Amino acid sequence: MSQYEDICVPVPTELFVKLAQFLKEQEDRRNPVLAVHDAIDYWMDNASWKPELIAQRPELASRGYTWKYDERCLFLPHGTEIRMPHKGTNYYAAIEGDQFTYEGKSMSPGSFANLIAHGSRNAWICLWVKRPADSEWKLADHLSPSAKSKAQAQRADRMLDELANAGHENPSAN
């Protein structure tokens, strides 16, 4: 017998029923109560190395790094991962608080890209970003369009507006 007594932890009925149904579908004959126990053990074993399992500390929720270059600006929240593939190896940096860090050193995205490549690189097209809410990596260039892309999008919007307005001219003016 355990030295501790069992305690009751409230679990919404709907969630418990879903768990029981899931176990049945998976042909897992465990009692759902034991599956909850196993889930808690699994969470504790993995939470130390999977930051997405730990609730964000409130004091870090609004922290992050603002990446600015010319007309471009991209906010990377605390917990963002940055990856740079180079010669078959992926190198990783992160946003910790308000800092872009690599191997514990604070630097800019451009400095990181240049350090890894041992030369001059455009970080916008070399770095991949995975923010805490993202399910997949995204090229930094796609997260912050260049001023040229923005200008092209604005011109396209104006043309679409003109086309839409051309079909709605006032017929009584004829």
N, C-alpha and C. Protein backbone atom coordinates (compact mmCIF):
# COMPACT_ATOMS: atom_id res chain seq x y z
N MET A 1 0.84 -1.19 0.00
CA MET A 1 0.00 0.00 0.00
C MET A 1 0.88 1.24 0.00
N SER A 2 0.44 2.25 -0.73
CA SER A 2 1.17 3.50 -0.83
C SER A 2 1.14 4.25 0.49
N GLN A 3 2.19 5.02 0.76
CA GLN A 3 2.21 5.81 1.99
C GLN A 3 1.25 6.98 1.89
N TYR A 4 0.79 7.31 0.68
CA TYR A 4 -0.15 8.41 0.48
C TYR A 4 -1.55 7.85 0.23
N GLU A 5 -2.52 8.59 0.65
CA GLU A 5 -3.90 8.23 0.34
C GLU A 5 -4.27 8.81 -1.01
N ASP A 6 -5.23 8.18 -1.68
CA ASP A 6 -5.71 8.70 -2.95
C ASP A 6 -6.51 9.98 -2.71
N ILE A 7 -6.45 10.88 -3.68
CA ILE A 7 -7.31 12.07 -3.64
C ILE A 7 -8.17 12.07 -4.89
N CYS A 8 -9.23 12.80 -4.84
CA CYS A 8 -10.11 12.93 -6.00
C CYS A 8 -9.75 14.21 -6.74
N VAL A 9 -9.55 14.08 -8.03
CA VAL A 9 -9.27 15.23 -8.88
C VAL A 9 -10.45 15.37 -9.84
N PRO A 10 -11.11 16.51 -9.81
CA PRO A 10 -12.27 16.64 -10.69
C PRO A 10 -11.87 16.65 -12.17
N VAL A 11 -12.54 15.82 -12.94
CA VAL A 11 -12.36 15.75 -14.39
C VAL A 11 -13.76 15.90 -14.98
N PRO A 12 -13.94 16.79 -15.94
CA PRO A 12 -15.28 16.92 -16.54
C PRO A 12 -15.77 15.57 -17.06
N THR A 13 -17.02 15.28 -16.80
CA THR A 13 -17.61 14.00 -17.21
C THR A 13 -17.42 13.75 -18.70
N GLU A 14 -17.65 14.77 -19.51
CA GLU A 14 -17.52 14.62 -20.96
C GLU A 14 -16.11 14.17 -21.35
N LEU A 15 -15.09 14.74 -20.70
CA LEU A 15 -13.71 14.36 -20.99
C LEU A 15 -13.44 12.92 -20.56
N PHE A 16 -13.94 12.54 -19.40
CA PHE A 16 -13.74 11.18 -18.91
C PHE A 16 -14.40 10.16 -19.85
N VAL A 17 -15.60 10.47 -20.32
CA VAL A 17 -16.31 9.58 -21.25
C VAL A 17 -15.52 9.48 -22.56
N LYS A 18 -15.00 10.63 -23.06
CA LYS A 18 -14.18 10.60 -24.29
C LYS A 18 -12.96 9.71 -24.10
N LEU A 19 -12.34 9.78 -22.91
CA LEU A 19 -11.18 8.95 -22.63
C LEU A 19 -11.57 7.47 -22.65
N ALA A 20 -12.67 7.13 -22.01
CA ALA A 20 -13.14 5.74 -21.99
C ALA A 20 -13.41 5.24 -23.40
N GLN A 21 -14.06 6.08 -24.23
CA GLN A 21 -14.34 5.71 -25.61
C GLN A 21 -13.04 5.54 -26.41
N PHE A 22 -12.09 6.44 -26.20
CA PHE A 22 -10.81 6.36 -26.88
C PHE A 22 -10.09 5.05 -26.52
N LEU A 23 -10.05 4.72 -25.24
CA LEU A 23 -9.40 3.48 -24.82
C LEU A 23 -10.06 2.27 -25.47
N LYS A 24 -11.39 2.28 -25.53
CA LYS A 24 -12.12 1.18 -26.15
C LYS A 24 -11.78 1.07 -27.63
N GLU A 25 -11.75 2.22 -28.35
CA GLU A 25 -11.43 2.22 -29.78
C GLU A 25 -10.01 1.72 -30.04
N GLN A 26 -9.11 2.01 -29.11
CA GLN A 26 -7.71 1.60 -29.25
C GLN A 26 -7.48 0.18 -28.73
N GLU A 27 -8.57 -0.44 -28.28
CA GLU A 27 -8.52 -1.79 -27.69
C GLU A 27 -7.57 -1.84 -26.50
N ASP A 28 -7.53 -0.75 -25.76
CA ASP A 28 -6.74 -0.64 -24.53
C ASP A 28 -7.68 -0.98 -23.38
N ARG A 29 -7.39 -2.05 -22.66
CA ARG A 29 -8.31 -2.54 -21.65
C ARG A 29 -8.09 -1.89 -20.28
N ARG A 30 -7.23 -0.86 -20.23
CA ARG A 30 -7.01 -0.18 -18.94
C ARG A 30 -8.28 0.49 -18.44
N ASN A 31 -8.40 0.56 -17.16
CA ASN A 31 -9.44 1.34 -16.51
C ASN A 31 -9.13 2.81 -16.81
N PRO A 32 -10.11 3.60 -17.22
CA PRO A 32 -9.84 5.02 -17.51
C PRO A 32 -9.20 5.77 -16.33
N VAL A 33 -9.50 5.37 -15.11
CA VAL A 33 -8.89 6.03 -13.94
C VAL A 33 -7.38 5.80 -13.96
N LEU A 34 -6.95 4.59 -14.33
CA LEU A 34 -5.51 4.32 -14.42
C LEU A 34 -4.87 5.05 -15.59
N ALA A 35 -5.64 5.22 -16.67
CA ALA A 35 -5.12 5.97 -17.83
C ALA A 35 -4.86 7.43 -17.44
N VAL A 36 -5.73 8.00 -16.60
CA VAL A 36 -5.51 9.37 -16.11
C VAL A 36 -4.21 9.42 -15.32
N HIS A 37 -3.99 8.43 -14.47
CA HIS A 37 -2.75 8.33 -13.69
C HIS A 37 -1.54 8.29 -14.62
N ASP A 38 -1.63 7.42 -15.65
CA ASP A 38 -0.53 7.30 -16.62
C ASP A 38 -0.30 8.61 -17.38
N ALA A 39 -1.38 9.31 -17.70
CA ALA A 39 -1.26 10.59 -18.43
C ALA A 39 -0.53 11.62 -17.58
N ILE A 40 -0.81 11.65 -16.29
CA ILE A 40 -0.12 12.59 -15.40
C ILE A 40 1.36 12.24 -15.32
N ASP A 41 1.68 10.95 -15.19
CA ASP A 41 3.09 10.53 -15.17
C ASP A 41 3.79 10.92 -16.47
N TYR A 42 3.13 10.68 -17.61
CA TYR A 42 3.71 11.02 -18.91
C TYR A 42 3.98 12.52 -18.99
N TRP A 43 3.00 13.31 -18.58
CA TRP A 43 3.15 14.77 -18.63
C TRP A 43 4.36 15.21 -17.81
N MET A 44 4.49 14.67 -16.59
CA MET A 44 5.62 15.07 -15.74
C MET A 44 6.95 14.64 -16.35
N ASP A 45 6.99 13.45 -16.98
CA ASP A 45 8.23 12.99 -17.61
C ASP A 45 8.64 13.85 -18.79
N ASN A 46 7.69 14.49 -19.46
CA ASN A 46 7.97 15.21 -20.70
C ASN A 46 7.96 16.73 -20.58
N ALA A 47 7.33 17.26 -19.55
CA ALA A 47 7.17 18.72 -19.44
C ALA A 47 8.49 19.45 -19.29
N SER A 48 9.51 18.81 -18.75
CA SER A 48 10.79 19.50 -18.54
C SER A 48 11.52 19.79 -19.85
N TRP A 49 11.24 19.02 -20.90
CA TRP A 49 11.93 19.25 -22.16
C TRP A 49 11.00 19.61 -23.31
N LYS A 50 9.71 19.77 -23.02
CA LYS A 50 8.74 20.21 -24.03
C LYS A 50 8.08 21.48 -23.51
N PRO A 51 8.62 22.65 -23.84
CA PRO A 51 8.10 23.89 -23.27
C PRO A 51 6.62 24.13 -23.56
N GLU A 52 6.08 23.54 -24.65
CA GLU A 52 4.68 23.76 -24.96
C GLU A 52 3.75 23.10 -23.93
N LEU A 53 4.28 22.18 -23.11
CA LEU A 53 3.47 21.53 -22.08
C LEU A 53 3.34 22.38 -20.82
N ILE A 54 4.21 23.34 -20.66
CA ILE A 54 4.18 24.20 -19.48
C ILE A 54 3.43 25.48 -19.83
N ALA A 55 2.49 25.86 -18.99
CA ALA A 55 1.76 27.12 -19.23
C ALA A 55 2.75 28.27 -19.20
N GLN A 56 2.56 29.21 -20.10
CA GLN A 56 3.44 30.37 -20.15
C GLN A 56 3.37 31.14 -18.84
N ARG A 57 4.52 31.53 -18.35
CA ARG A 57 4.53 32.36 -17.15
C ARG A 57 3.96 33.71 -17.53
N PRO A 58 3.01 34.24 -16.74
CA PRO A 58 2.34 35.50 -17.09
C PRO A 58 3.30 36.65 -17.34
N GLU A 59 4.40 36.69 -16.60
CA GLU A 59 5.33 37.81 -16.78
C GLU A 59 6.06 37.74 -18.11
N LEU A 60 6.03 36.59 -18.80
CA LEU A 60 6.69 36.46 -20.10
C LEU A 60 5.71 36.54 -21.27
N ALA A 61 4.41 36.56 -20.96
CA ALA A 61 3.39 36.49 -22.01
C ALA A 61 3.52 37.62 -23.03
N SER A 62 3.90 38.82 -22.62
CA SER A 62 3.99 39.94 -23.55
C SER A 62 5.43 40.22 -23.97
N ARG A 63 6.35 39.36 -23.59
CA ARG A 63 7.76 39.57 -23.93
C ARG A 63 8.03 39.01 -25.32
N GLY A 64 9.09 39.50 -25.92
CA GLY A 64 9.48 39.01 -27.23
C GLY A 64 10.51 39.93 -27.87
N TYR A 65 10.93 39.56 -29.05
CA TYR A 65 11.96 40.28 -29.79
C TYR A 65 11.34 40.89 -31.03
N THR A 66 11.58 42.17 -31.25
CA THR A 66 11.09 42.82 -32.47
C THR A 66 12.23 42.90 -33.47
N TRP A 67 12.08 42.19 -34.57
CA TRP A 67 13.08 42.12 -35.63
C TRP A 67 12.74 43.18 -36.66
N LYS A 68 13.61 44.18 -36.75
CA LYS A 68 13.39 45.29 -37.69
C LYS A 68 14.55 45.37 -38.66
N TYR A 69 14.21 45.64 -39.92
CA TYR A 69 15.23 45.91 -40.92
C TYR A 69 14.56 46.71 -42.03
N ASP A 70 15.09 47.88 -42.32
CA ASP A 70 14.50 48.79 -43.29
C ASP A 70 13.01 48.96 -43.00
N GLU A 71 12.17 48.62 -43.97
CA GLU A 71 10.72 48.77 -43.83
C GLU A 71 10.07 47.55 -43.16
N ARG A 72 10.86 46.53 -42.90
CA ARG A 72 10.30 45.28 -42.39
C ARG A 72 10.31 45.25 -40.86
N CYS A 73 9.31 44.58 -40.30
CA CYS A 73 9.23 44.45 -38.86
C CYS A 73 8.48 43.15 -38.55
N LEU A 74 9.03 42.37 -37.64
CA LEU A 74 8.41 41.11 -37.25
C LEU A 74 8.58 40.93 -35.75
N PHE A 75 7.47 40.73 -35.05
CA PHE A 75 7.52 40.47 -33.61
C PHE A 75 7.57 38.97 -33.39
N LEU A 76 8.58 38.52 -32.63
CA LEU A 76 8.74 37.11 -32.30
C LEU A 76 8.52 36.97 -30.80
N PRO A 77 7.43 36.32 -30.37
CA PRO A 77 7.14 36.22 -28.95
C PRO A 77 8.12 35.31 -28.21
N HIS A 78 8.20 35.50 -26.90
CA HIS A 78 9.01 34.64 -26.04
C HIS A 78 8.65 33.18 -26.32
N GLY A 79 9.64 32.34 -26.42
CA GLY A 79 9.40 30.93 -26.69
C GLY A 79 9.51 30.55 -28.16
N THR A 80 9.70 31.56 -29.03
CA THR A 80 9.85 31.28 -30.46
C THR A 80 11.16 30.54 -30.69
N GLU A 81 11.12 29.55 -31.58
CA GLU A 81 12.33 28.83 -31.98
C GLU A 81 12.74 29.32 -33.36
N ILE A 82 14.03 29.39 -33.60
CA ILE A 82 14.57 29.81 -34.90
C ILE A 82 15.51 28.71 -35.37
N ARG A 83 15.40 28.35 -36.64
CA ARG A 83 16.23 27.28 -37.20
C ARG A 83 16.92 27.81 -38.45
N MET A 84 18.20 27.48 -38.58
CA MET A 84 18.92 27.80 -39.82
C MET A 84 19.61 26.53 -40.31
N PRO A 85 19.12 26.00 -41.44
CA PRO A 85 19.84 24.86 -42.03
C PRO A 85 21.08 25.36 -42.76
N HIS A 86 22.19 24.67 -42.56
CA HIS A 86 23.43 25.05 -43.25
C HIS A 86 24.31 23.82 -43.40
N LYS A 87 24.62 23.48 -44.65
CA LYS A 87 25.49 22.36 -44.99
C LYS A 87 25.06 21.08 -44.27
N GLY A 88 23.77 20.78 -44.34
CA GLY A 88 23.26 19.53 -43.81
C GLY A 88 23.01 19.48 -42.31
N THR A 89 23.22 20.60 -41.63
CA THR A 89 22.99 20.64 -40.19
C THR A 89 22.02 21.77 -39.87
N ASN A 90 21.12 21.53 -38.94
CA ASN A 90 20.22 22.59 -38.46
C ASN A 90 20.81 23.21 -37.20
N TYR A 91 20.84 24.52 -37.19
CA TYR A 91 21.30 25.28 -36.03
C TYR A 91 20.09 25.99 -35.44
N TYR A 92 20.01 26.01 -34.11
CA TYR A 92 18.82 26.54 -33.46
C TYR A 92 19.14 27.71 -32.54
N ALA A 93 18.29 28.70 -32.59
CA ALA A 93 18.34 29.85 -31.68
C ALA A 93 16.94 29.96 -31.09
N ALA A 94 16.76 30.88 -30.16
CA ALA A 94 15.44 31.03 -29.52
C ALA A 94 15.23 32.46 -29.06
N ILE A 95 13.97 32.77 -28.85
CA ILE A 95 13.62 34.06 -28.23
C ILE A 95 13.38 33.76 -26.76
N GLU A 96 14.21 34.35 -25.93
CA GLU A 96 14.11 34.18 -24.48
C GLU A 96 13.87 35.55 -23.87
N GLY A 97 12.66 35.75 -23.36
CA GLY A 97 12.30 37.07 -22.86
C GLY A 97 12.25 38.03 -24.02
N ASP A 98 13.12 39.06 -24.00
CA ASP A 98 13.19 40.05 -25.08
C ASP A 98 14.42 39.86 -25.96
N GLN A 99 15.12 38.75 -25.81
CA GLN A 99 16.39 38.56 -26.49
C GLN A 99 16.35 37.44 -27.52
N PHE A 100 17.02 37.66 -28.64
CA PHE A 100 17.28 36.62 -29.62
C PHE A 100 18.58 35.98 -29.15
N THR A 101 18.56 34.68 -28.80
CA THR A 101 19.75 34.07 -28.22
C THR A 101 20.18 32.83 -29.00
N TYR A 102 21.49 32.66 -29.06
CA TYR A 102 22.09 31.46 -29.64
C TYR A 102 23.22 31.04 -28.70
N GLU A 103 23.16 29.80 -28.25
CA GLU A 103 24.14 29.26 -27.31
C GLU A 103 24.35 30.20 -26.13
N GLY A 104 23.26 30.75 -25.61
CA GLY A 104 23.31 31.62 -24.43
C GLY A 104 23.75 33.04 -24.68
N LYS A 105 24.05 33.38 -25.94
CA LYS A 105 24.51 34.73 -26.26
C LYS A 105 23.42 35.49 -26.99
N SER A 106 23.24 36.74 -26.61
CA SER A 106 22.26 37.61 -27.27
C SER A 106 22.87 38.17 -28.55
N MET A 107 22.09 38.12 -29.63
CA MET A 107 22.56 38.65 -30.92
C MET A 107 21.35 38.97 -31.78
N SER A 108 21.60 39.50 -32.96
CA SER A 108 20.52 39.79 -33.90
C SER A 108 20.33 38.58 -34.83
N PRO A 109 19.17 38.50 -35.49
CA PRO A 109 18.98 37.41 -36.46
C PRO A 109 20.06 37.42 -37.56
N GLY A 110 20.43 38.61 -38.03
CA GLY A 110 21.46 38.71 -39.06
C GLY A 110 22.81 38.20 -38.57
N SER A 111 23.16 38.54 -37.34
CA SER A 111 24.42 38.07 -36.77
C SER A 111 24.43 36.56 -36.64
N PHE A 112 23.28 35.99 -36.25
CA PHE A 112 23.16 34.54 -36.14
C PHE A 112 23.38 33.89 -37.50
N ALA A 113 22.69 34.37 -38.53
CA ALA A 113 22.82 33.80 -39.88
C ALA A 113 24.25 33.91 -40.38
N ASN A 114 24.89 35.06 -40.17
CA ASN A 114 26.26 35.27 -40.63
C ASN A 114 27.25 34.39 -39.86
N LEU A 115 27.01 34.21 -38.56
CA LEU A 115 27.88 33.37 -37.74
C LEU A 115 27.83 31.91 -38.23
N ILE A 116 26.63 31.41 -38.46
CA ILE A 116 26.47 30.02 -38.89
C ILE A 116 27.07 29.81 -40.28
N ALA A 117 26.85 30.75 -41.18
CA ALA A 117 27.31 30.61 -42.57
C ALA A 117 28.76 31.02 -42.77
N HIS A 118 29.37 31.63 -41.76
CA HIS A 118 30.74 32.14 -41.87
C HIS A 118 30.86 33.13 -43.02
N GLY A 119 29.85 33.98 -43.16
CA GLY A 119 29.85 34.99 -44.22
C GLY A 119 28.56 35.76 -44.19
N SER A 120 28.37 36.60 -45.15
CA SER A 120 27.19 37.46 -45.19
C SER A 120 25.98 36.71 -45.74
N ARG A 121 24.89 36.74 -44.99
CA ARG A 121 23.65 36.08 -45.39
C ARG A 121 22.47 37.00 -45.11
N ASN A 122 21.41 36.86 -45.90
CA ASN A 122 20.16 37.57 -45.67
C ASN A 122 19.34 36.69 -44.73
N ALA A 123 19.23 37.10 -43.47
CA ALA A 123 18.54 36.29 -42.47
C ALA A 123 17.08 36.06 -42.82
N TRP A 124 16.45 37.01 -43.50
CA TRP A 124 15.03 36.87 -43.85
C TRP A 124 14.78 35.63 -44.71
N ILE A 125 15.76 35.26 -45.55
CA ILE A 125 15.55 34.11 -46.43
C ILE A 125 16.33 32.87 -45.98
N CYS A 126 17.06 32.99 -44.87
CA CYS A 126 17.82 31.84 -44.35
C CYS A 126 17.20 31.25 -43.08
N LEU A 127 16.45 32.04 -42.35
CA LEU A 127 15.95 31.59 -41.05
C LEU A 127 14.50 31.13 -41.12
N TRP A 128 14.24 30.03 -40.45
CA TRP A 128 12.90 29.48 -40.31
C TRP A 128 12.44 29.73 -38.88
N VAL A 129 11.17 30.05 -38.73
CA VAL A 129 10.63 30.48 -37.44
C VAL A 129 9.47 29.57 -37.04
N LYS A 130 9.45 29.23 -35.76
CA LYS A 130 8.31 28.49 -35.21
C LYS A 130 7.93 29.17 -33.90
N ARG A 131 6.87 29.99 -33.98
CA ARG A 131 6.39 30.69 -32.80
C ARG A 131 5.61 29.72 -31.92
N PRO A 132 5.42 30.04 -30.64
CA PRO A 132 4.74 29.10 -29.74
C PRO A 132 3.38 28.62 -30.26
N ALA A 133 2.65 29.44 -30.96
CA ALA A 133 1.32 29.04 -31.45
C ALA A 133 1.38 28.35 -32.82
N ASP A 134 2.55 28.31 -33.46
CA ASP A 134 2.68 27.70 -34.78
C ASP A 134 2.79 26.18 -34.68
N SER A 135 2.20 25.49 -35.66
CA SER A 135 2.32 24.03 -35.69
C SER A 135 3.47 23.61 -36.61
N GLU A 136 3.93 24.53 -37.46
CA GLU A 136 5.02 24.18 -38.36
C GLU A 136 5.96 25.36 -38.55
N TRP A 137 7.14 25.07 -39.08
CA TRP A 137 8.15 26.09 -39.34
C TRP A 137 7.73 26.94 -40.53
N LYS A 138 8.04 28.25 -40.46
CA LYS A 138 7.74 29.17 -41.56
C LYS A 138 8.98 30.01 -41.85
N LEU A 139 9.23 30.23 -43.12
CA LEU A 139 10.36 31.07 -43.51
C LEU A 139 10.10 32.50 -43.04
N ALA A 140 11.09 33.11 -42.42
CA ALA A 140 10.93 34.47 -41.89
C ALA A 140 10.45 35.42 -42.97
N ASP A 141 10.96 35.27 -44.17
CA ASP A 141 10.58 36.13 -45.29
C ASP A 141 9.08 36.11 -45.55
N HIS A 142 8.43 34.99 -45.28
CA HIS A 142 6.99 34.87 -45.51
C HIS A 142 6.17 35.46 -44.37
N LEU A 143 6.81 35.67 -43.22
CA LEU A 143 6.10 36.23 -42.07
C LEU A 143 6.08 37.75 -42.07
N SER A 144 7.03 38.36 -42.76
CA SER A 144 7.09 39.81 -42.83
C SER A 144 7.40 40.22 -44.26
N PRO A 145 6.35 40.51 -45.04
CA PRO A 145 6.60 40.87 -46.44
C PRO A 145 7.47 42.12 -46.56
N SER A 146 8.26 42.15 -47.60
CA SER A 146 9.12 43.30 -47.83
C SER A 146 8.27 44.51 -48.22
N ALA A 147 8.88 45.67 -48.18
CA ALA A 147 8.18 46.90 -48.57
C ALA A 147 7.74 46.80 -50.03
N LYS A 148 8.56 46.18 -50.87
CA LYS A 148 8.22 46.02 -52.28
C LYS A 148 6.96 45.15 -52.42
N SER A 149 6.89 44.05 -51.66
CA SER A 149 5.71 43.18 -51.70
C SER A 149 4.48 43.92 -51.21
N LYS A 150 4.64 44.73 -50.15
CA LYS A 150 3.51 45.49 -49.62
C LYS A 150 3.02 46.48 -50.67
N ALA A 151 3.95 47.15 -51.35
CA ALA A 151 3.57 48.12 -52.37
C ALA A 151 2.83 47.42 -53.52
N GLN A 152 3.30 46.23 -53.91
CA GLN A 152 2.63 45.48 -54.97
C GLN A 152 1.23 45.07 -54.53
N ALA A 153 1.07 44.66 -53.29
CA ALA A 153 -0.24 44.27 -52.77
C ALA A 153 -1.18 45.46 -52.73
N GLN A 154 -0.65 46.65 -52.35
CA GLN A 154 -1.48 47.86 -52.32
C GLN A 154 -1.94 48.24 -53.73
N ARG A 155 -1.04 48.13 -54.72
CA ARG A 155 -1.41 48.42 -56.11
C ARG A 155 -2.49 47.46 -56.59
N ALA A 156 -2.34 46.17 -56.25
CA ALA A 156 -3.34 45.17 -56.65
C ALA A 156 -4.69 45.48 -56.00
N ASP A 157 -4.67 45.89 -54.73
CA ASP A 157 -5.92 46.26 -54.04
C ASP A 157 -6.59 47.44 -54.72
N ARG A 158 -5.79 48.45 -55.11
CA ARG A 158 -6.34 49.63 -55.80
C ARG A 158 -6.97 49.22 -57.13
N MET A 159 -6.30 48.35 -57.88
CA MET A 159 -6.83 47.90 -59.17
C MET A 159 -8.14 47.15 -58.98
N LEU A 160 -8.20 46.29 -57.95
CA LEU A 160 -9.43 45.55 -57.69
C LEU A 160 -10.56 46.50 -57.31
N ASP A 161 -10.24 47.52 -56.50
CA ASP A 161 -11.25 48.52 -56.13
C ASP A 161 -11.76 49.25 -57.36
N GLU A 162 -10.83 49.64 -58.25
CA GLU A 162 -11.23 50.36 -59.46
C GLU A 162 -12.12 49.49 -60.33
N LEU A 163 -11.78 48.21 -60.48
CA LEU A 163 -12.61 47.30 -61.27
C LEU A 163 -13.99 47.14 -60.64
N ALA A 164 -14.03 46.99 -59.32
CA ALA A 164 -15.31 46.83 -58.63
C ALA A 164 -16.17 48.08 -58.78
N ASN A 165 -15.55 49.25 -58.68
CA ASN A 165 -16.29 50.51 -58.80
C ASN A 165 -16.73 50.79 -60.23
N ALA A 166 -15.97 50.31 -61.20
CA ALA A 166 -16.31 50.54 -62.61
C ALA A 166 -17.63 49.86 -62.96
N GLY A 167 -17.93 48.74 -62.36
CA GLY A 167 -19.17 48.03 -62.63
C GLY A 167 -20.36 48.59 -61.88
N HIS A 168 -20.14 49.55 -60.98
CA HIS A 168 -21.22 50.10 -60.15
C HIS A 168 -21.43 51.58 -60.40
N GLU A 169 -21.12 52.03 -61.62
CA GLU A 169 -21.30 53.45 -61.93
C GLU A 169 -22.78 53.77 -61.90
N ASN A 170 -23.09 55.00 -61.65
CA ASN A 170 -24.48 55.46 -61.52
C ASN A 170 -25.16 55.44 -62.89
N PRO A 171 -26.17 54.54 -63.09
CA PRO A 171 -26.82 54.46 -64.41
C PRO A 171 -27.63 55.71 -64.75
N SER A 172 -28.04 56.48 -63.77
CA SER A 172 -28.85 57.68 -64.06
C SER A 172 -28.00 58.83 -64.61
N ALA A 173 -26.69 58.66 -64.58
CA ALA A 173 -25.79 59.69 -65.10
C ALA A 173 -25.77 59.69 -66.62
N ASN A 174 -26.29 58.64 -67.26
CA ASN A 174 -26.28 58.56 -68.73
C ASN A 174 -27.30 59.43 -69.35
